[in-house]
Amino acid sequence: MSEYVIDLPESLTIHHIEEHYGNLKMAFLAEADTFKINASNVESIDTAGLQALLILVKDAVEKQKNVLWQSPSESITTGASKLGLTEKLKLA
């Protein structure tokens, strides 16, 4: 089983998502059975950032890939919880 670690940036907000989305999308295209998302550095995330992650996670799951979170920051867990995305993002 192959794993690929994806390190998220400090900011995933509408102001920064465009510059990061392409890199994240390419990371999710890596040949791997499991994607480990290191989210410990994320300090700020908004709805746009959570939507981008949701698209990427959903696509990975549809391709029968495993998605595991490593140390999701409080910003991510709180934001996902408020929007009801905890399960869809595979945080729970």
N, C-alpha and C. Protein backbone atom coordinates (compact mmCIF):
# COMPACT_ATOMS: atom_id res chain seq x y z
N MET A 1 0.84 -1.18 0.00
CA MET A 1 0.00 0.00 0.00
C MET A 1 0.89 1.24 0.00
N SER A 2 0.69 2.09 -0.97
CA SER A 2 1.50 3.29 -1.06
C SER A 2 0.79 4.49 -0.43
N GLU A 3 1.59 5.35 0.18
CA GLU A 3 1.05 6.54 0.85
C GLU A 3 1.70 7.78 0.27
N TYR A 4 0.94 8.85 0.27
CA TYR A 4 1.45 10.15 -0.18
C TYR A 4 1.01 11.18 0.83
N VAL A 5 1.96 11.96 1.35
CA VAL A 5 1.64 12.97 2.35
C VAL A 5 1.47 14.32 1.66
N ILE A 6 0.36 14.97 1.98
CA ILE A 6 0.05 16.28 1.44
C ILE A 6 0.10 17.28 2.60
N ASP A 7 1.00 18.24 2.50
CA ASP A 7 1.13 19.27 3.53
C ASP A 7 0.31 20.48 3.13
N LEU A 8 -0.65 20.84 3.98
CA LEU A 8 -1.48 22.01 3.70
C LEU A 8 -0.76 23.28 4.14
N PRO A 9 -1.01 24.38 3.44
CA PRO A 9 -0.39 25.66 3.80
C PRO A 9 -1.04 26.28 5.03
N GLU A 10 -0.47 27.37 5.52
CA GLU A 10 -1.00 28.05 6.70
C GLU A 10 -2.37 28.67 6.45
N SER A 11 -2.60 29.14 5.23
CA SER A 11 -3.85 29.84 4.94
C SER A 11 -4.56 29.23 3.75
N LEU A 12 -5.79 28.82 3.98
CA LEU A 12 -6.65 28.33 2.91
C LEU A 12 -7.93 29.16 2.92
N THR A 13 -7.77 30.41 2.56
CA THR A 13 -8.91 31.33 2.51
C THR A 13 -9.14 31.75 1.07
N ILE A 14 -10.25 32.41 0.84
CA ILE A 14 -10.60 32.84 -0.51
C ILE A 14 -9.48 33.68 -1.14
N HIS A 15 -8.72 34.38 -0.33
CA HIS A 15 -7.64 35.22 -0.84
C HIS A 15 -6.43 34.42 -1.28
N HIS A 16 -6.29 33.19 -0.79
CA HIS A 16 -5.11 32.38 -1.09
C HIS A 16 -5.41 31.07 -1.80
N ILE A 17 -6.67 30.69 -1.88
CA ILE A 17 -7.00 29.35 -2.39
C ILE A 17 -6.59 29.17 -3.84
N GLU A 18 -6.70 30.21 -4.64
CA GLU A 18 -6.35 30.08 -6.05
C GLU A 18 -4.88 29.69 -6.24
N GLU A 19 -4.01 30.29 -5.45
CA GLU A 19 -2.58 29.98 -5.58
C GLU A 19 -2.24 28.59 -5.06
N HIS A 20 -3.04 28.03 -4.16
CA HIS A 20 -2.75 26.72 -3.57
C HIS A 20 -3.53 25.57 -4.21
N TYR A 21 -4.68 25.86 -4.80
CA TYR A 21 -5.55 24.79 -5.29
C TYR A 21 -4.87 23.93 -6.35
N GLY A 22 -4.18 24.55 -7.29
CA GLY A 22 -3.51 23.79 -8.34
C GLY A 22 -2.49 22.82 -7.79
N ASN A 23 -1.71 23.27 -6.81
CA ASN A 23 -0.72 22.39 -6.20
C ASN A 23 -1.38 21.25 -5.43
N LEU A 24 -2.47 21.56 -4.73
CA LEU A 24 -3.17 20.52 -4.00
C LEU A 24 -3.80 19.50 -4.95
N LYS A 25 -4.37 19.99 -6.04
CA LYS A 25 -4.98 19.09 -7.02
C LYS A 25 -3.93 18.15 -7.61
N MET A 26 -2.76 18.69 -7.92
CA MET A 26 -1.67 17.85 -8.45
C MET A 26 -1.24 16.81 -7.41
N ALA A 27 -1.18 17.20 -6.16
CA ALA A 27 -0.79 16.27 -5.10
C ALA A 27 -1.79 15.12 -5.01
N PHE A 28 -3.08 15.43 -5.17
CA PHE A 28 -4.10 14.39 -5.08
C PHE A 28 -4.11 13.49 -6.32
N LEU A 29 -3.36 13.84 -7.34
CA LEU A 29 -3.26 13.00 -8.54
C LEU A 29 -2.10 12.01 -8.44
N ALA A 30 -1.34 12.09 -7.36
CA ALA A 30 -0.20 11.19 -7.18
C ALA A 30 -0.68 9.74 -7.15
N GLU A 31 0.17 8.86 -7.62
CA GLU A 31 -0.14 7.43 -7.58
C GLU A 31 0.04 6.93 -6.15
N ALA A 32 -1.05 6.79 -5.46
CA ALA A 32 -1.01 6.31 -4.07
C ALA A 32 -2.36 5.70 -3.73
N ASP A 33 -2.33 4.78 -2.79
CA ASP A 33 -3.56 4.18 -2.29
C ASP A 33 -4.15 5.02 -1.17
N THR A 34 -3.26 5.71 -0.44
CA THR A 34 -3.67 6.49 0.72
C THR A 34 -3.05 7.88 0.66
N PHE A 35 -3.88 8.87 0.90
CA PHE A 35 -3.41 10.24 1.01
C PHE A 35 -3.48 10.64 2.47
N LYS A 36 -2.34 11.03 3.03
CA LYS A 36 -2.30 11.54 4.40
C LYS A 36 -2.21 13.06 4.30
N ILE A 37 -3.17 13.73 4.88
CA ILE A 37 -3.21 15.19 4.81
C ILE A 37 -2.69 15.75 6.12
N ASN A 38 -1.52 16.38 6.05
CA ASN A 38 -0.93 17.04 7.21
C ASN A 38 -1.53 18.43 7.30
N ALA A 39 -2.40 18.64 8.26
CA ALA A 39 -3.11 19.90 8.39
C ALA A 39 -2.74 20.65 9.66
N SER A 40 -1.60 20.32 10.22
CA SER A 40 -1.22 20.92 11.50
C SER A 40 -0.82 22.39 11.37
N ASN A 41 -0.41 22.81 10.18
CA ASN A 41 0.04 24.20 9.99
C ASN A 41 -1.08 25.17 9.62
N VAL A 42 -2.27 24.68 9.36
CA VAL A 42 -3.35 25.55 8.91
C VAL A 42 -3.81 26.45 10.05
N GLU A 43 -3.62 27.74 9.85
CA GLU A 43 -4.02 28.72 10.86
C GLU A 43 -5.35 29.38 10.52
N SER A 44 -5.62 29.51 9.21
CA SER A 44 -6.89 30.13 8.81
C SER A 44 -7.46 29.41 7.60
N ILE A 45 -8.77 29.17 7.68
CA ILE A 45 -9.49 28.52 6.59
C ILE A 45 -10.90 29.08 6.60
N ASP A 46 -11.44 29.26 5.41
CA ASP A 46 -12.81 29.75 5.30
C ASP A 46 -13.62 28.78 4.45
N THR A 47 -14.82 29.17 4.10
CA THR A 47 -15.70 28.29 3.33
C THR A 47 -15.07 27.90 2.00
N ALA A 48 -14.41 28.84 1.34
CA ALA A 48 -13.76 28.54 0.05
C ALA A 48 -12.68 27.46 0.23
N GLY A 49 -11.90 27.56 1.27
CA GLY A 49 -10.86 26.57 1.54
C GLY A 49 -11.44 25.21 1.85
N LEU A 50 -12.49 25.19 2.65
CA LEU A 50 -13.15 23.92 2.99
C LEU A 50 -13.81 23.31 1.75
N GLN A 51 -14.39 24.14 0.89
CA GLN A 51 -14.99 23.63 -0.34
C GLN A 51 -13.93 23.01 -1.24
N ALA A 52 -12.78 23.66 -1.36
CA ALA A 52 -11.70 23.12 -2.17
C ALA A 52 -11.25 21.76 -1.64
N LEU A 53 -11.08 21.66 -0.34
CA LEU A 53 -10.69 20.39 0.26
C LEU A 53 -11.76 19.33 0.05
N LEU A 54 -13.02 19.74 0.16
CA LEU A 54 -14.12 18.80 -0.04
C LEU A 54 -14.10 18.22 -1.45
N ILE A 55 -13.86 19.06 -2.44
CA ILE A 55 -13.79 18.59 -3.83
C ILE A 55 -12.67 17.58 -3.99
N LEU A 56 -11.51 17.88 -3.45
CA LEU A 56 -10.36 17.00 -3.57
C LEU A 56 -10.55 15.68 -2.83
N VAL A 57 -11.08 15.75 -1.61
CA VAL A 57 -11.32 14.54 -0.82
C VAL A 57 -12.39 13.68 -1.49
N LYS A 58 -13.46 14.31 -1.94
CA LYS A 58 -14.55 13.57 -2.60
C LYS A 58 -14.04 12.85 -3.84
N ASP A 59 -13.22 13.53 -4.64
CA ASP A 59 -12.66 12.92 -5.84
C ASP A 59 -11.76 11.74 -5.50
N ALA A 60 -10.95 11.88 -4.47
CA ALA A 60 -10.07 10.79 -4.04
C ALA A 60 -10.88 9.58 -3.59
N VAL A 61 -11.93 9.82 -2.82
CA VAL A 61 -12.78 8.73 -2.33
C VAL A 61 -13.48 8.03 -3.50
N GLU A 62 -13.94 8.82 -4.47
CA GLU A 62 -14.60 8.22 -5.65
C GLU A 62 -13.64 7.33 -6.43
N LYS A 63 -12.35 7.64 -6.35
CA LYS A 63 -11.32 6.83 -7.02
C LYS A 63 -10.82 5.71 -6.11
N GLN A 64 -11.55 5.47 -5.03
CA GLN A 64 -11.29 4.42 -4.06
C GLN A 64 -9.93 4.57 -3.37
N LYS A 65 -9.58 5.82 -3.07
CA LYS A 65 -8.38 6.12 -2.31
C LYS A 65 -8.75 6.36 -0.86
N ASN A 66 -7.85 6.05 0.05
CA ASN A 66 -8.06 6.33 1.46
C ASN A 66 -7.56 7.75 1.75
N VAL A 67 -8.29 8.44 2.61
CA VAL A 67 -7.90 9.78 3.03
C VAL A 67 -7.78 9.78 4.55
N LEU A 68 -6.58 10.11 5.04
CA LEU A 68 -6.32 10.16 6.47
C LEU A 68 -5.79 11.54 6.81
N TRP A 69 -6.23 12.07 7.92
CA TRP A 69 -5.78 13.38 8.38
C TRP A 69 -4.73 13.21 9.46
N GLN A 70 -3.67 14.01 9.37
CA GLN A 70 -2.64 14.04 10.40
C GLN A 70 -2.73 15.38 11.11
N SER A 71 -3.04 15.35 12.35
CA SER A 71 -3.07 16.54 13.20
C SER A 71 -3.85 17.72 12.59
N PRO A 72 -5.12 17.52 12.27
CA PRO A 72 -5.88 18.66 11.74
C PRO A 72 -5.95 19.78 12.77
N SER A 73 -5.70 20.99 12.31
CA SER A 73 -5.70 22.13 13.22
C SER A 73 -7.12 22.42 13.71
N GLU A 74 -7.19 23.17 14.78
CA GLU A 74 -8.49 23.56 15.32
C GLU A 74 -9.29 24.37 14.30
N SER A 75 -8.62 25.16 13.48
CA SER A 75 -9.30 25.94 12.45
C SER A 75 -10.07 25.04 11.49
N ILE A 76 -9.45 23.95 11.09
CA ILE A 76 -10.11 23.03 10.16
C ILE A 76 -11.24 22.28 10.84
N THR A 77 -10.99 21.73 12.00
CA THR A 77 -12.03 20.93 12.66
C THR A 77 -13.23 21.79 13.04
N THR A 78 -12.99 23.01 13.51
CA THR A 78 -14.08 23.90 13.89
C THR A 78 -14.86 24.35 12.66
N GLY A 79 -14.15 24.77 11.61
CA GLY A 79 -14.81 25.21 10.38
C GLY A 79 -15.63 24.10 9.75
N ALA A 80 -15.08 22.91 9.68
CA ALA A 80 -15.79 21.77 9.10
C ALA A 80 -17.03 21.44 9.93
N SER A 81 -16.89 21.49 11.23
CA SER A 81 -18.02 21.20 12.11
C SER A 81 -19.15 22.21 11.93
N LYS A 82 -18.80 23.48 11.86
CA LYS A 82 -19.82 24.54 11.70
C LYS A 82 -20.59 24.39 10.39
N LEU A 83 -19.92 23.89 9.35
CA LEU A 83 -20.57 23.74 8.04
C LEU A 83 -21.13 22.34 7.81
N GLY A 84 -20.99 21.47 8.80
CA GLY A 84 -21.51 20.11 8.67
C GLY A 84 -20.71 19.26 7.68
N LEU A 85 -19.41 19.52 7.59
CA LEU A 85 -18.57 18.82 6.62
C LEU A 85 -17.61 17.81 7.24
N THR A 86 -17.71 17.60 8.54
CA THR A 86 -16.77 16.73 9.23
C THR A 86 -16.73 15.33 8.60
N GLU A 87 -17.87 14.72 8.39
CA GLU A 87 -17.90 13.37 7.82
C GLU A 87 -17.51 13.36 6.36
N LYS A 88 -17.99 14.34 5.59
CA LYS A 88 -17.68 14.38 4.15
C LYS A 88 -16.20 14.60 3.90
N LEU A 89 -15.55 15.32 4.80
CA LEU A 89 -14.10 15.53 4.66
C LEU A 89 -13.30 14.38 5.26
N LYS A 90 -13.98 13.39 5.81
CA LYS A 90 -13.34 12.23 6.43
C LYS A 90 -12.53 12.60 7.67
N LEU A 91 -12.97 13.65 8.36
CA LEU A 91 -12.31 14.07 9.59
C LEU A 91 -12.75 13.24 10.79
N ALA A 92 -13.87 12.56 10.65
CA ALA A 92 -14.39 11.76 11.76
C ALA A 92 -14.39 10.29 11.43
